[in-house]
Protein backbone atom coordinates (compact mmCIF):
# COMPACT_ATOMS: atom_id res chain seq x y z
CA UNK A 1 0.05 0.07 0.07
CA UNK A 2 2.74 2.28 0.55
CA UNK A 3 2.70 5.18 2.97
CA UNK A 4 0.17 8.10 3.23
CA UNK A 5 2.66 10.39 1.24
CA UNK A 6 3.31 7.56 -1.28
CA UNK A 7 -0.97 7.09 -1.23
CA UNK A 8 -1.32 11.02 -2.16
CA UNK A 9 1.09 11.32 -4.51
CA UNK A 10 -0.34 8.22 -6.32
CA UNK A 11 -3.66 9.75 -6.38
CA UNK A 12 -5.52 10.64 -9.49
CA UNK A 13 -6.25 14.58 -10.22
CA UNK A 14 -10.08 14.51 -10.92
CA UNK A 15 -12.44 17.44 -11.88
CA UNK A 16 -15.75 17.92 -11.55
CA UNK A 17 -19.08 20.15 -10.59
CA UNK A 18 -20.19 20.33 -6.89
CA UNK A 19 -22.44 21.80 -4.78
CA UNK A 20 -21.11 23.84 -1.99
CA UNK A 21 -24.29 24.56 0.38
CA UNK A 22 -27.69 23.84 0.81
CA UNK A 23 -28.25 26.61 -2.38
CA UNK A 24 -27.96 23.21 -4.39
CA UNK A 25 -25.54 25.52 -6.77
CA UNK A 26 -22.97 23.16 -8.79
CA UNK A 27 -19.81 24.80 -9.71
CA UNK A 28 -16.14 23.28 -11.28
CA UNK A 29 -14.60 21.37 -8.58
CA UNK A 30 -11.17 20.20 -8.34
CA UNK A 31 -10.58 17.31 -6.25
CA UNK A 32 -8.71 13.73 -6.23
CA UNK A 33 -9.66 9.96 -6.76
CA UNK A 34 -7.84 7.31 -4.96
CA UNK A 35 -5.21 5.74 -7.31
CA UNK A 36 -6.35 2.59 -8.89
CA UNK A 37 -6.18 -0.52 -6.18
CA UNK A 38 -5.38 -4.46 -6.86
CA UNK A 39 -9.52 -4.23 -7.41
CA UNK A 40 -10.01 -1.44 -8.78
CA UNK A 41 -11.31 -0.63 -12.41
CA UNK A 42 -10.40 3.45 -13.20
CA UNK A 43 -12.79 4.40 -16.23
CA UNK A 44 -12.92 7.95 -18.07
CA UNK A 45 -16.95 9.12 -17.48
CA UNK A 46 -18.62 9.89 -20.75
CA UNK A 47 -22.21 10.44 -19.66
CA UNK A 48 -24.00 10.76 -16.28
CA UNK A 49 -27.41 10.88 -15.60
CA UNK A 50 -29.50 13.59 -13.46
CA UNK A 51 -31.37 11.16 -11.15
CA UNK A 52 -34.37 13.01 -8.80
CA UNK A 53 -32.17 11.95 -5.78
CA UNK A 54 -29.56 14.26 -6.89
CA UNK A 55 -31.76 17.48 -6.00
CA UNK A 56 -32.76 16.41 -2.64
CA UNK A 57 -29.02 15.53 -1.89
CA UNK A 58 -27.51 19.04 -3.11
CA UNK A 59 -30.18 20.89 -1.51
CA UNK A 60 -29.80 18.71 1.66
CA UNK A 61 -33.50 17.91 1.62
CA UNK A 62 -32.74 14.71 3.63
CA UNK A 63 -30.57 16.18 6.18
CA UNK A 64 -27.58 13.71 5.27
CA UNK A 65 -25.19 15.66 2.87
CA UNK A 66 -22.40 16.63 3.38
CA UNK A 67 -20.34 19.48 1.23
CA UNK A 68 -18.88 19.41 -1.48
CA UNK A 69 -21.02 17.25 -2.43
CA UNK A 70 -20.19 16.19 -6.36
CA UNK A 71 -23.61 14.40 -7.71
CA UNK A 72 -24.14 11.62 -10.31
CA UNK A 73 -24.86 7.91 -9.44
CA UNK A 74 -26.26 6.88 -13.29
CA UNK A 75 -22.24 6.89 -15.07
CA UNK A 76 -21.33 5.43 -17.95
CA UNK A 77 -17.93 4.98 -19.50
CA UNK A 78 -14.96 3.34 -20.69
CA UNK A 79 -11.96 1.48 -18.57
CA UNK A 80 -8.59 3.37 -18.70
CA UNK A 81 -6.88 1.32 -15.94
CA UNK A 82 -7.72 -2.09 -14.01
CA UNK A 83 -5.76 -2.86 -10.69
CA UNK A 84 -3.52 -6.25 -11.08
CA UNK A 85 -6.44 -8.80 -9.28
CA UNK A 86 -8.87 -7.34 -11.81
CA UNK A 87 -10.46 -10.45 -13.38
CA UNK A 88 -13.59 -8.99 -14.82
CA UNK A 89 -12.72 -5.93 -17.01
CA UNK A 90 -9.86 -5.10 -19.12
CA UNK A 91 -9.23 -1.24 -20.55
CA UNK A 92 -11.65 -0.26 -23.17
CA UNK A 93 -14.28 -2.01 -21.84
CA UNK A 94 -17.55 0.16 -21.32
CA UNK A 95 -18.65 -0.19 -17.87
CA UNK A 96 -20.98 1.79 -15.70
CA UNK A 97 -21.39 2.22 -11.52
CA UNK A 98 -24.96 2.87 -10.17
CA UNK A 99 -26.13 3.67 -6.90
CA UNK A 100 -23.45 2.52 -4.58
CA UNK A 101 -19.89 1.21 -4.69
CA UNK A 102 -19.17 -0.81 -1.57
CA UNK A 103 -20.83 -3.10 1.31
CA UNK A 104 -20.00 -5.09 4.15
CA UNK A 105 -19.78 -8.23 1.54
CA UNK A 106 -20.49 -10.76 4.72
CA UNK A 107 -24.04 -10.35 6.51
CA UNK A 108 -26.77 -11.79 4.82
CA UNK A 109 -27.70 -9.38 2.32
CA UNK A 110 -24.27 -9.36 0.67
CA UNK A 111 -24.37 -13.31 0.76
CA UNK A 112 -27.35 -12.90 -1.14
CA UNK A 113 -26.35 -10.75 -3.85
CA UNK A 114 -28.39 -7.44 -2.28
CA UNK A 115 -25.59 -5.54 -1.38
CA UNK A 116 -28.35 -2.53 -1.64
CA UNK A 117 -29.67 -3.80 1.71
CA UNK A 118 -26.43 -4.47 3.49
CA UNK A 119 -26.48 -2.12 6.70
CA UNK A 120 -23.18 -0.66 5.37
CA UNK A 121 -23.78 0.15 2.07
CA UNK A 122 -21.90 3.02 0.50
CA UNK A 123 -23.57 5.32 -1.95
CA UNK A 124 -21.75 6.39 -4.51
CA UNK A 125 -21.86 10.36 -3.65
CA UNK A 126 -21.75 11.57 0.05
CA UNK A 127 -20.76 8.78 1.25
CA UNK A 128 -18.04 7.70 3.45
CA UNK A 129 -15.56 5.13 2.01
CA UNK A 130 -13.76 2.14 4.05
CA UNK A 131 -11.07 4.55 4.25
CA UNK A 132 -12.61 7.16 5.54
CA UNK A 133 -12.74 9.69 2.22
CA UNK A 134 -15.81 10.75 1.10
CA UNK A 135 -17.34 9.39 -2.44
CA UNK A 136 -17.40 11.83 -4.99
CA UNK A 137 -20.13 11.06 -7.90
CA UNK A 138 -20.66 10.99 -11.51
CA UNK A 139 -20.78 14.91 -12.52
CA UNK A 140 -16.72 14.46 -13.11
CA UNK A 141 -14.40 13.36 -15.43
CA UNK A 142 -12.72 9.86 -13.65
CA UNK A 143 -14.58 7.14 -11.12
CA UNK A 144 -12.42 4.71 -9.30
CA UNK A 145 -14.66 1.37 -8.16
CA UNK A 146 -13.87 -1.99 -6.86
CA UNK A 147 -14.96 -4.05 -9.99
CA UNK A 148 -17.73 -5.68 -8.19
CA UNK A 149 -19.69 -2.58 -7.91
CA UNK A 150 -18.80 -2.30 -11.98
CA UNK A 151 -21.41 -3.20 -14.72
CA UNK A 152 -20.52 -4.03 -18.08
CA UNK A 153 -22.51 -2.10 -20.58
CA UNK A 154 -23.36 -5.01 -23.74
CA UNK A 155 -21.94 -3.06 -26.87
CA UNK A 156 -25.68 -2.45 -28.66
CA UNK A 157 -26.58 -0.24 -25.97
CA UNK A 158 -26.03 3.47 -26.76
CA UNK A 159 -24.23 4.87 -23.40
CA UNK A 160 -26.25 8.13 -23.20
CA UNK A 161 -29.55 6.15 -22.67
CA UNK A 162 -28.41 3.67 -21.28
CA UNK A 163 -26.94 5.63 -18.19
CA UNK A 164 -30.22 6.12 -16.39
CA UNK A 165 -31.22 2.76 -16.43
CA UNK A 166 -28.14 2.27 -13.65
CA UNK A 167 -30.64 3.74 -10.89
CA UNK A 168 -34.05 4.50 -12.59
CA UNK A 169 -34.03 1.06 -14.41
CA UNK A 170 -33.18 -1.19 -11.67
CA UNK A 171 -35.30 0.58 -9.19
CA UNK A 172 -38.31 -0.72 -11.63
CA UNK A 173 -37.05 -3.87 -13.01
CA UNK A 174 -35.71 -5.77 -9.19
CA UNK A 175 -39.55 -4.84 -8.06
CA UNK A 176 -41.18 -6.33 -11.14
CA UNK A 177 -39.20 -9.45 -10.69
CA UNK A 178 -39.19 -9.85 -6.87
CA UNK A 179 -42.75 -9.26 -6.12
CA UNK A 180 -43.65 -11.38 -9.11
CA UNK A 181 -45.26 -8.78 -11.23
CA UNK A 182 -43.32 -10.21 -14.37
CA UNK A 183 -45.71 -12.91 -15.65
CA UNK A 184 -46.88 -13.00 -18.95
CA UNK A 185 -50.62 -11.71 -19.34
CA UNK A 186 -50.43 -9.82 -15.85
CA UNK A 187 -52.09 -6.37 -15.13
CA UNK A 188 -49.88 -3.72 -13.58
CA UNK A 189 -50.71 -0.35 -12.94
CA UNK A 190 -47.60 1.83 -13.33
CA UNK A 191 -48.28 5.30 -11.63
CA UNK A 192 -46.70 8.54 -12.77
CA UNK A 193 -44.68 9.01 -16.20
CA UNK A 194 -41.14 10.47 -15.35
CA UNK A 195 -38.15 9.52 -15.23
CA UNK A 196 -38.83 5.81 -13.13
CA UNK A 197 -42.42 5.54 -14.84
CA UNK A 198 -41.72 5.58 -18.71
CA UNK A 199 -38.98 2.93 -18.01
CA UNK A 200 -41.21 0.87 -15.93
CA UNK A 201 -43.70 0.82 -18.90
CA UNK A 202 -40.77 -0.59 -21.11
CA UNK A 203 -39.57 -3.36 -18.73
CA UNK A 204 -43.18 -4.01 -17.89
CA UNK A 205 -44.08 -4.79 -21.66
CA UNK A 206 -40.83 -6.47 -22.20
CA UNK A 207 -42.08 -9.07 -19.39
CA UNK A 208 -45.39 -9.55 -21.52
CA UNK A 209 -47.06 -7.54 -18.79
CA UNK A 210 -50.62 -5.59 -19.86
CA UNK A 211 -49.61 -2.38 -18.56
CA UNK A 212 -52.03 1.02 -17.27
CA UNK A 213 -50.11 4.14 -16.98
CA UNK A 214 -52.06 6.33 -13.76
CA UNK A 215 -51.40 9.74 -13.98
CA UNK A 216 -52.90 13.09 -13.00
CA UNK A 217 -51.59 15.01 -16.22
CA UNK A 218 -54.36 13.75 -19.07
CA UNK A 219 -51.84 15.32 -21.69
CA UNK A 220 -49.72 12.19 -21.14
CA UNK A 221 -52.41 9.60 -22.65
CA UNK A 222 -50.88 9.56 -26.50
CA UNK A 223 -47.26 9.46 -25.10
CA UNK A 224 -48.10 6.63 -23.05
CA UNK A 225 -49.89 4.67 -25.46
CA UNK A 226 -48.23 5.62 -28.71
CA UNK A 227 -44.94 5.95 -27.60
CA UNK A 228 -44.35 4.06 -24.39
CA UNK A 229 -46.59 1.00 -25.77
CA UNK A 230 -49.03 0.97 -22.66
CA UNK A 231 -52.19 -0.72 -23.04
CA UNK A 232 -54.36 2.04 -21.48
CA UNK A 233 -54.12 5.09 -19.77
CA UNK A 234 -56.33 6.05 -16.29
CA UNK A 235 -56.61 9.91 -15.36
CA UNK A 236 -56.00 9.27 -11.31
CA UNK A 237 -58.46 12.22 -10.57
CA UNK A 238 -61.21 11.27 -13.06
CA UNK A 239 -63.90 9.31 -10.87
CA UNK A 240 -65.39 7.43 -13.79
CA UNK A 241 -62.18 5.97 -15.44
CA UNK A 242 -60.68 5.11 -11.72
CA UNK A 243 -64.25 3.38 -11.31
CA UNK A 244 -64.28 1.23 -14.31
CA UNK A 245 -60.66 0.08 -13.59
CA UNK A 246 -61.56 -1.22 -9.87
CA UNK A 247 -60.26 -4.60 -9.03
CA UNK A 248 -58.65 -5.08 -12.51
CA UNK A 249 -54.55 -4.82 -11.84
CA UNK A 250 -52.28 -7.49 -10.17
CA UNK A 251 -50.00 -5.03 -9.07
CA UNK A 252 -49.18 -1.21 -9.15
CA UNK A 253 -45.46 0.09 -9.16
CA UNK A 254 -46.25 3.71 -7.91
CA UNK A 255 -43.35 5.90 -9.02
CA UNK A 256 -44.27 9.23 -7.56
CA UNK A 257 -42.49 11.02 -4.72
CA UNK A 258 -44.92 13.89 -4.10
CA UNK A 259 -47.58 13.36 -1.43
CA UNK A 260 -50.51 11.72 -2.94
CA UNK A 261 -53.53 8.98 -1.83
CA UNK A 262 -53.17 5.20 -1.69
CA UNK A 263 -56.78 4.69 -1.23
CA UNK A 264 -57.79 5.03 -5.11
CA UNK A 265 -54.86 2.88 -5.99
CA UNK A 266 -55.69 0.10 -3.62
CA UNK A 267 -59.02 0.31 -5.18
CA UNK A 268 -57.68 -0.59 -8.69
CA UNK A 269 -56.19 -3.58 -6.98
CA UNK A 270 -57.38 -7.50 -7.18
CA UNK A 271 -57.47 -9.64 -4.26
CA UNK A 272 -53.99 -10.08 -3.46
CA UNK A 273 -52.56 -7.76 -5.34
CA UNK A 274 -49.53 -5.52 -4.86
CA UNK A 275 -48.51 -1.71 -4.28
CA UNK A 276 -44.97 -1.29 -4.50
CA UNK A 277 -43.83 2.08 -3.80
CA UNK A 278 -40.89 3.70 -5.02
CA UNK A 279 -40.86 7.27 -4.51
CA UNK A 280 -39.53 8.78 -1.08
CA UNK A 281 -41.88 12.02 -0.39
CA UNK A 282 -41.24 14.12 2.13
CA UNK A 283 -44.50 14.12 4.81
CA UNK A 284 -45.63 10.01 5.57
CA UNK A 285 -48.16 8.58 3.09
CA UNK A 286 -51.46 7.48 4.72
CA UNK A 287 -52.38 4.09 4.71
CA UNK A 288 -55.89 3.17 4.79
CA UNK A 289 -56.08 -0.38 6.67
CA UNK A 290 -59.69 -1.63 5.46
CA UNK A 291 -59.28 -2.41 1.81
CA UNK A 292 -55.73 -4.33 2.89
CA UNK A 293 -57.98 -6.93 4.73
CA UNK A 294 -60.61 -7.32 2.55
CA UNK A 295 -58.60 -8.24 -0.16
CA UNK A 296 -55.63 -9.50 1.29
CA UNK A 297 -53.54 -6.83 -0.64
CA UNK A 298 -49.75 -5.76 0.06
CA UNK A 299 -48.01 -2.50 0.42
CA UNK A 300 -44.32 -3.41 -0.31
CA UNK A 301 -41.46 -1.13 -1.37
CA UNK A 302 -38.46 -1.26 -3.08
CA UNK A 303 -34.67 0.33 -3.96
CA UNK A 304 -32.55 -0.32 -6.28
CA UNK A 305 -31.22 -3.89 -6.57
CA UNK A 306 -27.96 -5.57 -6.07
CA UNK A 307 -25.25 -6.14 -8.39
CA UNK A 308 -25.70 -9.05 -9.95
CA UNK A 309 -29.37 -7.98 -10.28
CA UNK A 310 -28.31 -4.97 -12.12
CA UNK A 311 -26.28 -6.32 -14.56
CA UNK A 312 -29.27 -9.13 -14.91
CA UNK A 313 -31.28 -5.86 -15.72
CA UNK A 314 -28.84 -3.93 -18.10
CA UNK A 315 -28.68 -7.54 -20.12
CA UNK A 316 -32.43 -7.64 -20.48
CA UNK A 317 -32.59 -3.95 -21.59
CA UNK A 318 -29.88 -4.79 -24.36
CA UNK A 319 -31.82 -7.60 -25.34
CA UNK A 320 -35.02 -6.02 -25.71
CA UNK A 321 -33.77 -2.83 -27.09
CA UNK A 322 -35.20 -1.01 -23.63
CA UNK A 323 -33.42 2.75 -23.33
CA UNK A 324 -34.35 5.36 -21.12
CA UNK A 325 -35.76 8.90 -23.46
CA UNK A 326 -33.15 11.34 -22.60
CA UNK A 327 -32.11 15.05 -23.43
CA UNK A 328 -28.15 15.27 -23.61
CA UNK A 329 -27.18 18.35 -22.15
CA UNK A 330 -23.59 19.76 -21.58
CA UNK A 331 -21.99 20.50 -17.73
CA UNK A 332 -22.59 24.04 -17.99
CA UNK A 333 -26.42 24.09 -18.41
CA UNK A 334 -26.33 21.67 -15.38
CA UNK A 335 -28.32 24.21 -12.98
CA UNK A 336 -30.78 25.04 -15.93
CA UNK A 337 -31.44 21.49 -15.79
CA UNK A 338 -32.13 20.99 -12.02
CA UNK A 339 -34.44 23.91 -12.28
CA UNK A 340 -35.91 22.49 -14.96
CA UNK A 341 -36.14 18.91 -13.28
CA UNK A 342 -38.26 20.72 -10.55
CA UNK A 343 -40.85 21.51 -12.88
CA UNK A 344 -40.55 18.21 -14.35
CA UNK A 345 -39.82 19.81 -17.27
CA UNK A 346 -37.84 16.96 -18.89
CA UNK A 347 -38.91 13.61 -21.07
CA UNK A 348 -37.76 12.02 -19.30
CA UNK A 349 -34.32 12.34 -18.48
CA UNK A 350 -31.12 14.66 -18.15
CA UNK A 351 -28.15 12.92 -19.22
CA UNK A 352 -24.84 15.27 -19.17
CA UNK A 353 -22.18 14.63 -21.53
CA UNK A 354 -19.69 14.75 -19.62
CA UNK A 355 -17.17 13.36 -22.15
CA UNK A 356 -17.27 16.17 -24.69
CA UNK A 357 -18.08 19.48 -22.16
CA UNK A 358 -16.37 19.00 -18.96
CA UNK A 359 -12.92 19.57 -20.18
CA UNK A 360 -13.75 22.72 -21.95
CA UNK A 361 -15.10 24.36 -18.14
CA UNK A 362 -11.90 22.32 -16.37
CA UNK A 363 -9.76 25.77 -16.96
CA UNK A 364 -11.64 27.70 -14.81
């Protein structure tokens, strides 16, 4: 390992954009990444998606942020260096990093390929790494990560549109599989047609499931059915439409992070139906118990997925040509993009063109 001084000499100069305080304003930031360890993969970042959680983190809305904070956990790029004991990757490979870069590797969750539920899971940014340093995310030019937490991106997936799959993709794929809502012929509702919802429709359809999009916005109907391939569309505020769809769904994937009532959604479920919550609302949701009892229904949750399942999800996406619908932006547009994301003014995911636009700012 060498002395602390030697390790500092080996550290890699990195450049990114960071928030310095709760204003959430991002600006150029010079910092260091660790040297490539024996099990590490270093890669040049080509694209990084902007996730809704980035917005919460840069403004410390969850109360766990430390500054300076470099966001980004939908990171894709090309391997530039590997450690001496790396077995799965070589220089030139197309790779990605999602929401986590570490876990204890020994608890029950880790033993069952569920590193995402490890009590010591280390977040890709804003976390504390094994060596005590802060983790920095993908709004930066390079990433160094343990090979266990690196995903291989199949050659037929475009890197830019694959980036959001590393968070949004696995966040919807995992509950569809785990809760058994992936069987052909089933009927699944998707609540909210944003970054997660639009990808949920694509994955569910590829699994052979009948999909109904449930939204407060009637103007999204054409998009949902004609562009994304949903079978039907419900306006959640339309009592007649909701009444007509009562007891027709095997499950519901609820991607909404704003405050919203669960009661009308529970009515859409058949007996033994499941509603899976993926959004984190700022205030607790009300849980009406009676409709749970009379239909033996379940309200569940899910957060991303383990590394094995994340790779499985990316391979499934490649096989079925599933990508996120994206708007590619230069890094110096990032603060405007965040403002637009607050207003839900994006279809459906911003992706930063790091490789072509980050270096132009590095002189500042």
